[in-house]
Protein backbone atom coordinates (compact mmCIF):
# COMPACT_ATOMS: atom_id res chain seq x y z
CA MET A 1 0.03 0.01 -0.17
CA MET A 2 2.64 2.53 0.72
CA GLY A 3 4.27 1.42 -2.50
CA VAL A 4 1.31 2.35 -4.19
CA LEU A 5 0.82 5.81 -1.89
CA ALA A 6 4.19 6.89 -3.25
CA ARG A 7 3.58 6.36 -6.78
CA LEU A 8 0.65 7.93 -6.89
CA GLY A 9 1.50 10.74 -8.73
CA ASP A 10 2.30 8.11 -12.06
CA PHE A 11 -1.14 7.34 -11.89
CA ARG A 12 -2.25 8.95 -15.14
CA GLY A 13 -6.06 7.87 -15.57
CA LEU A 14 -5.60 5.68 -18.66
CA SER A 15 -7.21 2.96 -16.91
CA ARG A 16 -9.08 2.49 -13.80
CA PHE A 17 -7.09 3.21 -10.74
CA THR A 18 -7.92 -0.35 -9.30
CA THR A 19 -6.63 -2.04 -12.07
CA TRP A 20 -3.52 0.45 -11.98
CA ALA A 21 -2.53 -0.17 -8.15
CA TYR A 22 -3.19 -3.93 -8.74
CA LYS A 23 -0.75 -4.07 -11.63
CA PHE A 24 1.83 -2.18 -9.98
CA ALA A 25 1.79 -4.03 -6.34
CA LEU A 26 1.70 -7.32 -8.29
CA LEU A 27 5.39 -5.97 -10.40
CA GLU A 28 6.57 -4.30 -7.06
CA ALA A 29 5.91 -7.67 -4.81
CA ALA A 30 7.59 -9.47 -7.94
CA THR A 31 10.92 -7.43 -7.77
CA LYS A 32 11.20 -7.39 -3.91
CA ALA A 33 10.70 -11.19 -4.04
CA ARG A 34 13.32 -11.52 -6.80
CA ARG A 35 15.70 -8.90 -4.97
CA MET A 36 15.15 -11.26 -1.80
CA ALA A 37 16.14 -14.63 -3.24
CA TRP A 38 18.77 -12.83 -4.20
CA ARG A 39 19.71 -11.25 -1.27
CA ASP A 40 22.81 -13.30 0.37
CA ARG A 41 23.63 -15.04 -3.12
CA GLU A 42 27.11 -14.32 -4.63
CA LEU A 43 26.38 -13.13 -8.36
CA PRO A 44 27.43 -15.95 -10.69
CA ARG A 45 31.22 -15.96 -13.06
CA PRO A 46 29.69 -16.31 -16.14
CA PRO A 47 30.45 -20.17 -17.29
CA GLU A 48 33.32 -20.95 -19.06
CA ASP A 49 32.11 -23.80 -20.26
CA TRP A 50 29.62 -22.93 -23.43
CA ALA A 51 28.81 -26.19 -23.61
CA ALA A 52 25.93 -25.37 -21.02
CA LEU A 53 24.27 -23.74 -24.16
CA ALA A 54 24.09 -26.94 -26.11
CA ASP A 55 21.44 -27.08 -28.71
CA PRO A 56 18.24 -29.33 -27.61
CA ASP A 57 17.66 -30.48 -31.16
CA GLY A 58 19.34 -34.15 -31.20
CA ARG A 59 20.02 -34.54 -34.97
CA PRO A 60 24.08 -34.24 -35.67
CA GLU A 61 23.91 -31.41 -38.86
CA ALA A 62 21.86 -29.38 -36.11
CA ALA A 63 24.25 -30.06 -33.56
CA ALA A 64 27.43 -29.23 -35.64
CA GLU A 65 25.98 -26.16 -37.01
CA HIS A 66 25.07 -24.96 -33.41
CA ALA A 67 28.67 -25.73 -32.31
CA GLU A 68 30.08 -23.63 -34.81
CA LEU A 69 27.69 -20.69 -34.32
CA LEU A 70 28.78 -21.10 -30.20
CA ALA A 71 32.31 -21.22 -31.14
CA ALA A 72 32.00 -17.80 -33.46
CA LEU A 73 29.85 -16.24 -30.69
CA ARG A 74 32.46 -16.89 -27.90
CA VAL A 75 35.16 -15.28 -30.00
CA ALA A 76 33.00 -12.52 -31.11
CA VAL A 77 32.06 -11.88 -27.53
CA ALA A 78 35.89 -11.39 -26.66
CA GLU A 79 36.57 -9.34 -29.61
CA VAL A 80 33.81 -7.28 -30.59
CA LEU A 81 32.47 -6.04 -27.18
CA THR A 82 33.88 -4.22 -24.47
CA PRO A 83 34.61 -5.84 -21.31
CA HIS A 84 31.47 -3.67 -19.97
CA GLN A 85 29.16 -5.17 -22.42
CA ARG A 86 30.78 -8.53 -22.26
CA GLU A 87 30.49 -8.66 -18.14
CA VAL A 88 27.22 -7.29 -17.98
CA LEU A 89 25.84 -9.83 -20.84
CA LEU A 90 27.30 -12.55 -19.80
CA THR A 91 26.26 -12.31 -15.99
CA VAL A 92 22.28 -11.56 -17.03
CA VAL A 93 22.27 -14.30 -20.35
CA ALA A 94 24.49 -17.09 -19.01
CA GLY A 95 24.25 -16.57 -14.95
CA ARG A 96 20.75 -16.02 -15.59
CA VAL A 97 21.08 -12.99 -13.21
CA PRO A 98 18.53 -10.41 -12.93
CA LEU A 99 18.66 -7.16 -14.34
CA ASP A 100 17.48 -5.26 -11.21
CA VAL A 101 19.52 -7.21 -9.44
CA LEU A 102 22.80 -6.53 -10.89
CA ALA A 103 21.50 -2.51 -11.15
CA GLU A 104 21.37 -2.71 -7.70
CA ARG A 105 24.79 -4.69 -7.02
CA ARG A 106 26.28 -1.89 -9.56
CA GLY A 107 24.68 0.95 -8.42
CA THR A 108 23.39 1.58 -11.74
CA THR A 109 19.92 2.03 -13.66
CA ARG A 110 17.84 -1.48 -14.75
CA GLY A 111 17.68 0.76 -17.97
CA ALA A 112 20.87 1.30 -18.35
CA LEU A 113 21.93 -2.55 -17.80
CA TYR A 114 19.19 -3.00 -20.48
CA LYS A 115 21.11 -0.68 -23.34
CA THR A 116 24.79 -2.46 -22.57
CA ILE A 117 22.76 -5.61 -23.33
CA HIS A 118 20.71 -4.54 -26.12
CA ASP A 119 24.01 -2.94 -27.50
CA ALA A 120 25.84 -5.70 -27.27
CA ARG A 121 23.56 -8.14 -28.78
CA ARG A 122 23.11 -5.71 -31.69
CA LYS A 123 27.12 -5.78 -32.34
CA LEU A 124 27.21 -9.55 -32.15
CA ARG A 125 24.70 -9.93 -34.25
CA ALA A 126 25.94 -7.55 -37.02
CA HIS A 127 29.55 -9.38 -36.60
CA LEU A 128 27.45 -13.38 -36.72
CA THR A 129 25.83 -11.64 -39.98
CA GLU A 130 28.92 -10.39 -41.50
CA ALA A 131 30.52 -13.66 -41.14
CA GLY A 132 27.32 -15.59 -43.02
CA LEU A 133 26.75 -17.22 -39.92
CA LEU A 134 23.32 -15.36 -39.50
CA ALA A 135 20.87 -15.13 -42.13
CA GLY A 136 17.16 -14.25 -42.96
CA GLU A 137 15.15 -13.43 -39.73
CA GLU A 138 18.22 -13.39 -37.74
CA ALA A 139 19.88 -10.65 -39.70
CA SER A 140 16.74 -9.01 -40.69
CA ARG A 141 16.34 -8.41 -36.77
CA ARG A 142 19.21 -5.95 -36.79
């Protein structure tokens, strides 16, 4: 209730007040629960073993393509991204740390980390497309 009252100025009247308050309370509770779960946990180091990102498809040709893409991705992460982009991307994606938890630990905003990940993904996508490893839909999402 205190959270809803503190953010009352954000209510623009585009929906019923009860709908806005309910949605706000759900988001607030989920964020607090996620932070509580990570409160006493150390942030995981990004995995060195990229086999953890294995392709679930059991076909040999798909496995070979996936292995080639992972090898190129590993090189691209090391060579194309800045150290900050690399650390944030791997912590959030491979380490599965929620953005709001990482933002709180680093003393930054969730939006700043989101932008970092967005820029890193764009660089990686461009690099893999240029190398001929992404085509069609993957390339058009740039």
